[in-house]
Every structure is written in C-alpha cells, then in structure tokens.
N, C-alpha and C. Protein backbone atom coordinates (compact mmCIF):
# COMPACT_ATOMS: atom_id res chain seq x y z
N MET A 1 77.14 92.04 95.69
CA MET A 1 78.55 91.84 95.99
C MET A 1 79.23 93.20 96.18
N THR A 2 79.96 93.35 97.24
CA THR A 2 80.60 94.62 97.59
C THR A 2 81.87 94.83 96.77
N TYR A 3 82.03 96.04 96.25
CA TYR A 3 83.23 96.45 95.52
C TYR A 3 84.14 97.13 96.54
N ARG A 4 85.40 96.69 96.63
CA ARG A 4 86.31 97.19 97.67
C ARG A 4 87.47 97.98 97.08
N VAL A 5 87.66 99.19 97.63
CA VAL A 5 88.71 100.11 97.19
C VAL A 5 89.60 100.44 98.40
N CYS A 6 90.92 100.39 98.20
CA CYS A 6 91.85 100.76 99.26
C CYS A 6 92.85 101.78 98.71
N PHE A 7 92.95 102.93 99.39
CA PHE A 7 93.91 103.97 99.03
C PHE A 7 95.19 103.73 99.81
N VAL A 8 96.35 103.90 99.14
CA VAL A 8 97.61 103.61 99.80
C VAL A 8 98.63 104.73 99.56
N CYS A 9 99.22 105.20 100.68
CA CYS A 9 100.36 106.11 100.62
C CYS A 9 101.46 105.51 101.49
N THR A 10 102.40 106.31 101.94
CA THR A 10 103.55 105.79 102.67
C THR A 10 103.19 105.35 104.10
N GLY A 11 102.72 106.28 104.91
CA GLY A 11 102.49 105.98 106.32
C GLY A 11 101.04 105.90 106.73
N ASN A 12 100.13 106.18 105.81
CA ASN A 12 98.69 106.14 106.07
C ASN A 12 98.25 107.16 107.13
N ILE A 13 98.87 108.36 107.09
CA ILE A 13 98.43 109.42 108.01
C ILE A 13 98.12 110.73 107.29
N CYS A 14 98.48 110.85 106.01
CA CYS A 14 98.22 112.11 105.29
C CYS A 14 97.36 111.89 104.04
N ARG A 15 98.00 111.45 102.97
CA ARG A 15 97.33 111.37 101.67
C ARG A 15 96.25 110.30 101.59
N SER A 16 96.58 109.08 101.99
CA SER A 16 95.58 108.01 101.82
C SER A 16 94.36 108.17 102.72
N PRO A 17 94.52 108.62 103.99
CA PRO A 17 93.28 108.84 104.75
C PRO A 17 92.45 110.00 104.19
N MET A 18 93.13 110.97 103.58
CA MET A 18 92.42 112.08 102.97
C MET A 18 91.61 111.55 101.78
N ALA A 19 92.26 110.73 100.95
CA ALA A 19 91.57 110.16 99.79
C ALA A 19 90.42 109.25 100.23
N GLU A 20 90.65 108.47 101.28
CA GLU A 20 89.60 107.59 101.81
C GLU A 20 88.38 108.40 102.25
N SER A 21 88.61 109.45 102.97
CA SER A 21 87.51 110.28 103.49
C SER A 21 86.73 110.95 102.36
N VAL A 22 87.45 111.53 101.43
CA VAL A 22 86.80 112.21 100.30
C VAL A 22 86.02 111.21 99.45
N PHE A 23 86.64 110.07 99.15
CA PHE A 23 85.96 109.11 98.29
C PHE A 23 84.76 108.47 99.00
N ARG A 24 84.88 108.24 100.28
CA ARG A 24 83.74 107.71 101.04
C ARG A 24 82.56 108.69 100.94
N ALA A 25 82.85 109.98 101.02
CA ALA A 25 81.80 111.00 100.88
C ALA A 25 81.18 110.95 99.48
N ARG A 26 82.02 110.78 98.45
CA ARG A 26 81.50 110.71 97.08
C ARG A 26 80.62 109.47 96.89
N ILE A 27 81.04 108.36 97.47
CA ILE A 27 80.27 107.13 97.38
C ILE A 27 78.91 107.32 98.05
N ALA A 28 78.89 107.96 99.22
CA ALA A 28 77.63 108.22 99.93
C ALA A 28 76.72 109.14 99.12
N GLU A 29 77.31 110.21 98.55
CA GLU A 29 76.53 111.14 97.73
C GLU A 29 75.90 110.43 96.53
N ALA A 30 76.61 109.44 96.01
CA ALA A 30 76.12 108.70 94.84
C ALA A 30 75.15 107.59 95.23
N GLY A 31 74.93 107.39 96.54
CA GLY A 31 74.03 106.36 97.00
C GLY A 31 74.58 104.95 96.85
N LEU A 32 75.91 104.84 96.85
CA LEU A 32 76.54 103.53 96.65
C LEU A 32 77.18 102.96 97.91
N GLU A 33 76.92 103.58 99.07
CA GLU A 33 77.60 103.16 100.29
C GLU A 33 77.29 101.72 100.69
N ASP A 34 76.18 101.17 100.24
CA ASP A 34 75.88 99.78 100.54
C ASP A 34 76.51 98.81 99.55
N ARG A 35 77.16 99.35 98.49
CA ARG A 35 77.75 98.50 97.46
C ARG A 35 79.26 98.69 97.31
N VAL A 36 79.81 99.74 97.96
CA VAL A 36 81.23 100.04 97.83
C VAL A 36 81.83 100.24 99.22
N GLU A 37 82.91 99.55 99.50
CA GLU A 37 83.64 99.68 100.76
C GLU A 37 84.95 100.42 100.47
N VAL A 38 85.26 101.42 101.30
CA VAL A 38 86.44 102.26 101.10
C VAL A 38 87.29 102.24 102.36
N ASP A 39 88.60 102.01 102.19
CA ASP A 39 89.52 102.12 103.31
C ASP A 39 90.88 102.58 102.80
N SER A 40 91.88 102.57 103.68
CA SER A 40 93.21 103.02 103.29
C SER A 40 94.27 102.32 104.13
N ALA A 41 95.52 102.43 103.65
CA ALA A 41 96.64 101.81 104.35
C ALA A 41 97.93 102.48 103.89
N GLY A 42 99.02 102.11 104.54
CA GLY A 42 100.34 102.62 104.18
C GLY A 42 101.23 101.50 103.68
N THR A 43 102.22 101.84 102.87
CA THR A 43 103.17 100.83 102.42
C THR A 43 104.06 100.39 103.58
N GLY A 44 104.21 101.25 104.58
CA GLY A 44 105.01 100.92 105.76
C GLY A 44 104.16 100.99 107.01
N GLY A 45 104.69 100.44 108.10
CA GLY A 45 103.94 100.39 109.33
C GLY A 45 104.37 101.37 110.39
N TRP A 46 105.12 102.41 110.02
CA TRP A 46 105.67 103.38 110.97
C TRP A 46 104.62 104.00 111.87
N HIS A 47 103.45 104.27 111.33
CA HIS A 47 102.42 105.00 112.08
C HIS A 47 101.25 104.11 112.46
N GLU A 48 101.39 102.81 112.30
CA GLU A 48 100.29 101.89 112.57
C GLU A 48 99.70 102.14 113.95
N GLY A 49 98.38 102.28 113.99
CA GLY A 49 97.67 102.54 115.23
C GLY A 49 97.50 104.01 115.56
N ASP A 50 98.23 104.89 114.87
CA ASP A 50 98.12 106.33 115.09
C ASP A 50 96.92 106.89 114.34
N GLY A 51 96.48 108.05 114.79
CA GLY A 51 95.45 108.78 114.06
C GLY A 51 96.08 109.48 112.86
N ALA A 52 95.25 110.09 112.05
CA ALA A 52 95.74 110.87 110.91
C ALA A 52 96.51 112.09 111.42
N ASP A 53 97.41 112.59 110.60
CA ASP A 53 98.14 113.80 110.93
C ASP A 53 97.13 114.90 111.28
N PRO A 54 97.36 115.67 112.33
CA PRO A 54 96.40 116.72 112.72
C PRO A 54 96.10 117.71 111.59
N ARG A 55 97.06 117.94 110.71
CA ARG A 55 96.82 118.84 109.57
C ARG A 55 95.87 118.21 108.57
N THR A 56 95.97 116.90 108.39
CA THR A 56 95.03 116.19 107.53
C THR A 56 93.61 116.32 108.09
N VAL A 57 93.49 116.06 109.39
CA VAL A 57 92.19 116.14 110.05
C VAL A 57 91.62 117.55 109.94
N ALA A 58 92.46 118.56 110.18
CA ALA A 58 92.00 119.95 110.13
C ALA A 58 91.48 120.32 108.74
N VAL A 59 92.22 119.95 107.71
CA VAL A 59 91.82 120.28 106.34
C VAL A 59 90.55 119.52 105.96
N LEU A 60 90.49 118.25 106.31
CA LEU A 60 89.28 117.48 106.00
C LEU A 60 88.06 118.08 106.68
N GLU A 61 88.16 118.32 107.97
CA GLU A 61 87.01 118.83 108.71
C GLU A 61 86.61 120.22 108.26
N GLU A 62 87.60 121.05 107.90
CA GLU A 62 87.31 122.40 107.40
C GLU A 62 86.47 122.34 106.12
N HIS A 63 86.66 121.27 105.35
CA HIS A 63 85.94 121.13 104.08
C HIS A 63 84.75 120.17 104.18
N GLY A 64 84.37 119.82 105.41
CA GLY A 64 83.16 119.04 105.60
C GLY A 64 83.31 117.53 105.51
N TYR A 65 84.53 117.03 105.60
CA TYR A 65 84.76 115.59 105.53
C TYR A 65 85.05 115.04 106.92
N GLU A 66 84.89 113.74 107.04
CA GLU A 66 85.20 113.02 108.27
C GLU A 66 86.71 112.95 108.46
N GLY A 67 87.18 113.22 109.66
CA GLY A 67 88.61 113.22 109.93
C GLY A 67 89.10 112.08 110.79
N GLU A 68 88.19 111.24 111.29
CA GLU A 68 88.58 110.14 112.16
C GLU A 68 89.28 109.04 111.35
N HIS A 69 90.40 108.52 111.88
CA HIS A 69 91.19 107.55 111.13
C HIS A 69 92.19 106.86 112.06
N THR A 70 92.50 105.61 111.77
CA THR A 70 93.57 104.88 112.44
C THR A 70 94.46 104.25 111.38
N ALA A 71 95.75 104.57 111.42
CA ALA A 71 96.69 104.10 110.40
C ALA A 71 96.96 102.60 110.52
N ARG A 72 97.20 102.00 109.36
CA ARG A 72 97.56 100.59 109.30
C ARG A 72 98.42 100.35 108.08
N GLN A 73 99.09 99.22 108.05
CA GLN A 73 99.98 98.87 106.95
C GLN A 73 99.27 97.93 105.99
N PHE A 74 99.47 98.16 104.69
CA PHE A 74 98.89 97.31 103.66
C PHE A 74 99.47 95.90 103.78
N GLN A 75 98.60 94.91 103.65
CA GLN A 75 99.01 93.50 103.73
C GLN A 75 98.79 92.82 102.38
N VAL A 76 99.75 92.00 101.96
CA VAL A 76 99.66 91.28 100.69
C VAL A 76 98.37 90.47 100.60
N SER A 77 97.96 89.89 101.70
CA SER A 77 96.75 89.05 101.71
C SER A 77 95.49 89.82 101.32
N TRP A 78 95.53 91.14 101.42
CA TRP A 78 94.36 91.94 101.08
C TRP A 78 94.03 91.93 99.59
N PHE A 79 95.02 91.64 98.75
CA PHE A 79 94.76 91.63 97.32
C PHE A 79 93.59 90.72 96.96
N ASP A 80 93.45 89.61 97.68
CA ASP A 80 92.36 88.67 97.40
C ASP A 80 90.98 89.31 97.52
N ARG A 81 90.81 90.22 98.48
CA ARG A 81 89.48 90.78 98.73
C ARG A 81 89.27 92.14 98.08
N LEU A 82 90.35 92.78 97.61
CA LEU A 82 90.22 94.12 97.03
C LEU A 82 89.98 94.07 95.53
N ASP A 83 89.17 95.01 95.06
CA ASP A 83 88.92 95.14 93.63
C ASP A 83 89.82 96.20 93.00
N LEU A 84 90.18 97.22 93.81
CA LEU A 84 90.98 98.32 93.30
C LEU A 84 91.88 98.83 94.43
N VAL A 85 93.16 98.97 94.12
CA VAL A 85 94.14 99.51 95.07
C VAL A 85 94.64 100.81 94.45
N VAL A 86 94.40 101.92 95.12
CA VAL A 86 94.69 103.23 94.55
C VAL A 86 95.92 103.83 95.23
N ALA A 87 97.00 103.92 94.47
CA ALA A 87 98.26 104.47 94.96
C ALA A 87 98.26 105.98 94.81
N LEU A 88 98.88 106.66 95.78
CA LEU A 88 98.90 108.12 95.74
C LEU A 88 100.11 108.69 95.01
N ASP A 89 101.15 107.88 94.78
CA ASP A 89 102.24 108.34 93.92
C ASP A 89 102.90 107.13 93.25
N THR A 90 103.80 107.39 92.31
CA THR A 90 104.41 106.31 91.53
C THR A 90 105.28 105.39 92.38
N GLY A 91 105.86 105.89 93.46
CA GLY A 91 106.62 105.02 94.37
C GLY A 91 105.71 103.99 95.02
N HIS A 92 104.53 104.42 95.43
CA HIS A 92 103.56 103.49 96.02
C HIS A 92 103.08 102.50 94.97
N LEU A 93 102.86 102.99 93.76
CA LEU A 93 102.42 102.13 92.66
C LEU A 93 103.42 101.00 92.44
N ARG A 94 104.70 101.35 92.34
CA ARG A 94 105.74 100.33 92.12
C ARG A 94 105.81 99.36 93.29
N ALA A 95 105.77 99.87 94.52
CA ALA A 95 105.85 99.02 95.71
C ALA A 95 104.69 98.04 95.76
N LEU A 96 103.49 98.52 95.49
CA LEU A 96 102.30 97.67 95.54
C LEU A 96 102.31 96.62 94.43
N ARG A 97 102.74 97.01 93.25
CA ARG A 97 102.79 96.04 92.16
C ARG A 97 103.85 94.97 92.43
N ARG A 98 104.95 95.33 93.10
CA ARG A 98 105.95 94.33 93.48
C ARG A 98 105.39 93.36 94.52
N LEU A 99 104.55 93.86 95.41
CA LEU A 99 103.93 93.02 96.44
C LEU A 99 102.87 92.07 95.88
N ALA A 100 102.27 92.45 94.79
CA ALA A 100 101.14 91.69 94.24
C ALA A 100 101.56 90.26 93.92
N PRO A 101 100.82 89.28 94.43
CA PRO A 101 101.18 87.89 94.22
C PRO A 101 100.93 87.37 92.80
N THR A 102 100.06 88.04 92.06
CA THR A 102 99.74 87.59 90.70
C THR A 102 99.68 88.81 89.77
N PRO A 103 99.81 88.57 88.46
CA PRO A 103 99.64 89.68 87.51
C PRO A 103 98.25 90.32 87.61
N GLU A 104 97.24 89.52 87.93
CA GLU A 104 95.88 90.05 88.07
C GLU A 104 95.80 91.01 89.26
N ASP A 105 96.49 90.66 90.34
CA ASP A 105 96.53 91.54 91.51
C ASP A 105 97.29 92.83 91.19
N ALA A 106 98.40 92.71 90.47
CA ALA A 106 99.17 93.89 90.08
C ALA A 106 98.33 94.83 89.22
N ALA A 107 97.46 94.26 88.40
CA ALA A 107 96.60 95.07 87.52
C ALA A 107 95.54 95.83 88.30
N LYS A 108 95.28 95.45 89.55
CA LYS A 108 94.30 96.16 90.39
C LYS A 108 94.85 97.50 90.89
N VAL A 109 96.17 97.70 90.79
CA VAL A 109 96.80 98.89 91.35
C VAL A 109 96.80 100.01 90.31
N ARG A 110 96.26 101.16 90.70
CA ARG A 110 96.18 102.34 89.83
C ARG A 110 96.62 103.58 90.60
N LEU A 111 97.05 104.59 89.88
CA LEU A 111 97.36 105.88 90.48
C LEU A 111 96.09 106.71 90.58
N LEU A 112 95.90 107.38 91.71
CA LEU A 112 94.70 108.20 91.91
C LEU A 112 94.53 109.23 90.80
N ARG A 113 95.60 109.97 90.50
CA ARG A 113 95.45 111.07 89.54
C ARG A 113 95.27 110.60 88.11
N PHE A 114 95.37 109.30 87.86
CA PHE A 114 95.02 108.74 86.57
C PHE A 114 93.56 109.08 86.24
N TYR A 115 92.75 109.24 87.29
CA TYR A 115 91.32 109.51 87.14
C TYR A 115 91.00 111.00 87.00
N ASP A 116 92.03 111.84 86.98
CA ASP A 116 91.84 113.29 86.80
C ASP A 116 92.36 113.68 85.43
N PRO A 117 91.46 113.94 84.46
CA PRO A 117 91.91 114.27 83.11
C PRO A 117 92.78 115.52 83.05
N ALA A 118 92.65 116.41 84.01
CA ALA A 118 93.45 117.64 84.01
C ALA A 118 94.86 117.44 84.57
N ALA A 119 95.14 116.25 85.10
CA ALA A 119 96.45 115.99 85.73
C ALA A 119 97.59 115.93 84.72
N GLY A 120 97.28 115.61 83.47
CA GLY A 120 98.34 115.50 82.47
C GLY A 120 99.27 114.34 82.80
N ASP A 121 100.58 114.58 82.68
CA ASP A 121 101.56 113.53 82.93
C ASP A 121 102.00 113.46 84.39
N ASP A 122 101.66 114.46 85.19
CA ASP A 122 102.07 114.50 86.58
C ASP A 122 101.01 113.82 87.44
N LEU A 123 101.21 112.52 87.69
CA LEU A 123 100.17 111.74 88.36
C LEU A 123 100.44 111.53 89.86
N ASP A 124 101.50 112.11 90.39
CA ASP A 124 101.79 111.98 91.82
C ASP A 124 101.05 113.03 92.63
N VAL A 125 100.54 112.62 93.79
CA VAL A 125 100.04 113.55 94.79
C VAL A 125 101.22 113.77 95.74
N PRO A 126 101.80 114.97 95.76
CA PRO A 126 102.99 115.21 96.60
C PRO A 126 102.71 114.98 98.09
N ASP A 127 103.70 114.47 98.78
CA ASP A 127 103.59 114.21 100.21
C ASP A 127 103.66 115.53 100.96
N PRO A 128 102.59 115.90 101.67
CA PRO A 128 102.57 117.18 102.38
C PRO A 128 103.21 117.13 103.77
N TYR A 129 103.63 115.96 104.22
CA TYR A 129 104.03 115.74 105.61
C TYR A 129 105.09 116.72 106.12
N TYR A 130 106.10 117.00 105.32
CA TYR A 130 107.21 117.85 105.79
C TYR A 130 107.01 119.33 105.50
N GLY A 131 105.84 119.70 105.02
CA GLY A 131 105.56 121.10 104.71
C GLY A 131 104.49 121.68 105.61
N GLY A 132 103.95 122.78 105.15
CA GLY A 132 102.92 123.49 105.91
C GLY A 132 101.52 123.06 105.51
N LEU A 133 100.56 123.75 106.08
CA LEU A 133 99.15 123.45 105.84
C LEU A 133 98.76 123.61 104.37
N ASP A 134 99.45 124.50 103.65
CA ASP A 134 99.12 124.70 102.24
C ASP A 134 99.33 123.42 101.42
N GLY A 135 100.30 122.60 101.80
CA GLY A 135 100.51 121.33 101.11
C GLY A 135 99.35 120.37 101.31
N PHE A 136 98.74 120.41 102.47
CA PHE A 136 97.58 119.57 102.76
C PHE A 136 96.36 120.07 101.97
N GLU A 137 96.24 121.38 101.84
CA GLU A 137 95.16 121.95 101.02
C GLU A 137 95.33 121.53 99.56
N GLU A 138 96.57 121.60 99.07
CA GLU A 138 96.86 121.19 97.69
C GLU A 138 96.55 119.71 97.49
N CYS A 139 96.90 118.90 98.47
CA CYS A 139 96.61 117.47 98.43
C CYS A 139 95.11 117.25 98.32
N LEU A 140 94.34 117.94 99.14
CA LEU A 140 92.89 117.80 99.10
C LEU A 140 92.34 118.19 97.73
N GLU A 141 92.84 119.27 97.15
CA GLU A 141 92.38 119.68 95.82
C GLU A 141 92.62 118.59 94.79
N MET A 142 93.80 117.98 94.84
CA MET A 142 94.13 116.91 93.89
C MET A 142 93.24 115.68 94.10
N VAL A 143 93.03 115.34 95.35
CA VAL A 143 92.18 114.20 95.68
C VAL A 143 90.75 114.45 95.21
N GLU A 144 90.22 115.62 95.48
CA GLU A 144 88.85 115.94 95.05
C GLU A 144 88.74 115.91 93.53
N ALA A 145 89.73 116.45 92.83
CA ALA A 145 89.69 116.49 91.38
C ALA A 145 89.68 115.08 90.78
N ALA A 146 90.42 114.18 91.36
CA ALA A 146 90.49 112.81 90.84
C ALA A 146 89.28 111.97 91.27
N SER A 147 88.64 112.35 92.35
CA SER A 147 87.56 111.54 92.90
C SER A 147 86.35 111.42 91.98
N GLU A 148 86.08 112.45 91.20
CA GLU A 148 84.94 112.37 90.29
C GLU A 148 85.16 111.31 89.22
N GLY A 149 86.35 111.29 88.62
CA GLY A 149 86.66 110.28 87.61
C GLY A 149 86.72 108.88 88.22
N LEU A 150 87.27 108.79 89.42
CA LEU A 150 87.32 107.50 90.11
C LEU A 150 85.91 107.01 90.41
N LEU A 151 85.05 107.90 90.86
CA LEU A 151 83.66 107.52 91.13
C LEU A 151 82.99 106.98 89.87
N ALA A 152 83.21 107.62 88.74
CA ALA A 152 82.62 107.15 87.49
C ALA A 152 83.12 105.75 87.14
N ALA A 153 84.42 105.52 87.32
CA ALA A 153 85.00 104.20 87.02
C ALA A 153 84.46 103.13 87.96
N VAL A 154 84.36 103.46 89.24
CA VAL A 154 83.85 102.49 90.22
C VAL A 154 82.36 102.23 89.97
N ARG A 155 81.62 103.28 89.69
CA ARG A 155 80.18 103.11 89.40
C ARG A 155 79.99 102.16 88.22
N GLU A 156 80.80 102.32 87.18
CA GLU A 156 80.71 101.45 86.01
C GLU A 156 80.98 99.99 86.40
N GLN A 157 81.97 99.77 87.26
CA GLN A 157 82.28 98.41 87.71
C GLN A 157 81.14 97.83 88.55
N VAL A 158 80.63 98.64 89.47
CA VAL A 158 79.56 98.20 90.36
C VAL A 158 78.30 97.87 89.54
N GLU A 159 77.96 98.74 88.62
CA GLU A 159 76.77 98.50 87.81
C GLU A 159 76.97 97.32 86.87
N GLY A 160 78.21 97.10 86.43
CA GLY A 160 78.51 95.95 85.59
C GLY A 160 78.34 94.64 86.33
N ARG A 161 78.57 94.65 87.63
CA ARG A 161 78.39 93.45 88.45
C ARG A 161 76.91 93.13 88.63
N ALA A 162 76.08 94.16 88.64
CA ALA A 162 74.65 93.95 88.85
C ALA A 162 73.96 93.39 87.61
N ALA A 163 74.60 93.60 86.46
CA ALA A 163 73.99 93.17 85.20
C ALA A 163 74.05 91.67 84.98
C-alpha cells in the first residue's frame, strides 16, 4: 500500500515544490520510491499550471535536485487519499485544517519544521517569493534540515504498514 505525502504552501511555486523535490530525493535514497508517493500543492490557485519560480528551479538544480514542476491547488477531496499533508507555515496549517472534512483529516496536517529538532519554536519556512536568491537558499536549508526527521517518521509509518 502506497503512503502519500503532499507538501503545501501558498501558490505552489516556491516552498512546496522545493520540499517535494528534496523529499522525493530522500525517499529515493532510502529505497522507498515504490512505497511512498510525494507531491505538492498550493492553498490558492493563482499559479495553477505554471512552473516553479525560476529561483526555486535554480537553487534546486544547483544542489542536485529535480526542478521540473507544475503548480496546482490543493483540493479537499485529496484528504481521502493522503496520509500526510505537510504545511510550510502556520498559515497553511490553519487553512488546511479548516478545509479538512473530518478531525482525522485535520490530524494528517503537520508543519514541515516540526520534523527538525533544531527548529525550536520557529516552525515556519519563510516565503522567499518577494526577496532575493538568498531567501531561496535559506528555504532549501530549512527543507533539507527537516527532511531527515520527516523521512524517519514516514519510514516508521511505511514499515508499520508492512507488519
């Protein structure tokens, strides 16, 4: 049975595609690509059908990640098929939990930086869209730091299903 993870930010052109790309690489490195499906979406549909922000693509590719992406908007109906919905900041977390049709669906929503023990109380990944390339680099660092803990949590769930 496939475990499904969806990363969500505002427009699905900066943070969530970055998290999707990094986490997909972690899943492949762990040999779980046949058991875990990774995608992303935005809370809004402003950029639906667009590629990722060119700065996102540049930073991802510079660090060896896949940069190809098409933006889409998160749909309430997806809660049925998703196991984990990973929000990139507390605004996304609140929006997604409000959308959730059941308490069980709301419980599927987590903040990405929750999985980074070094994050402390600051669990938001800042939106780099209105800044320079350094904000995208900072975003990537935060995503990479949280991805190891997220991988461990997902691996535990996947292995628990096999038992």
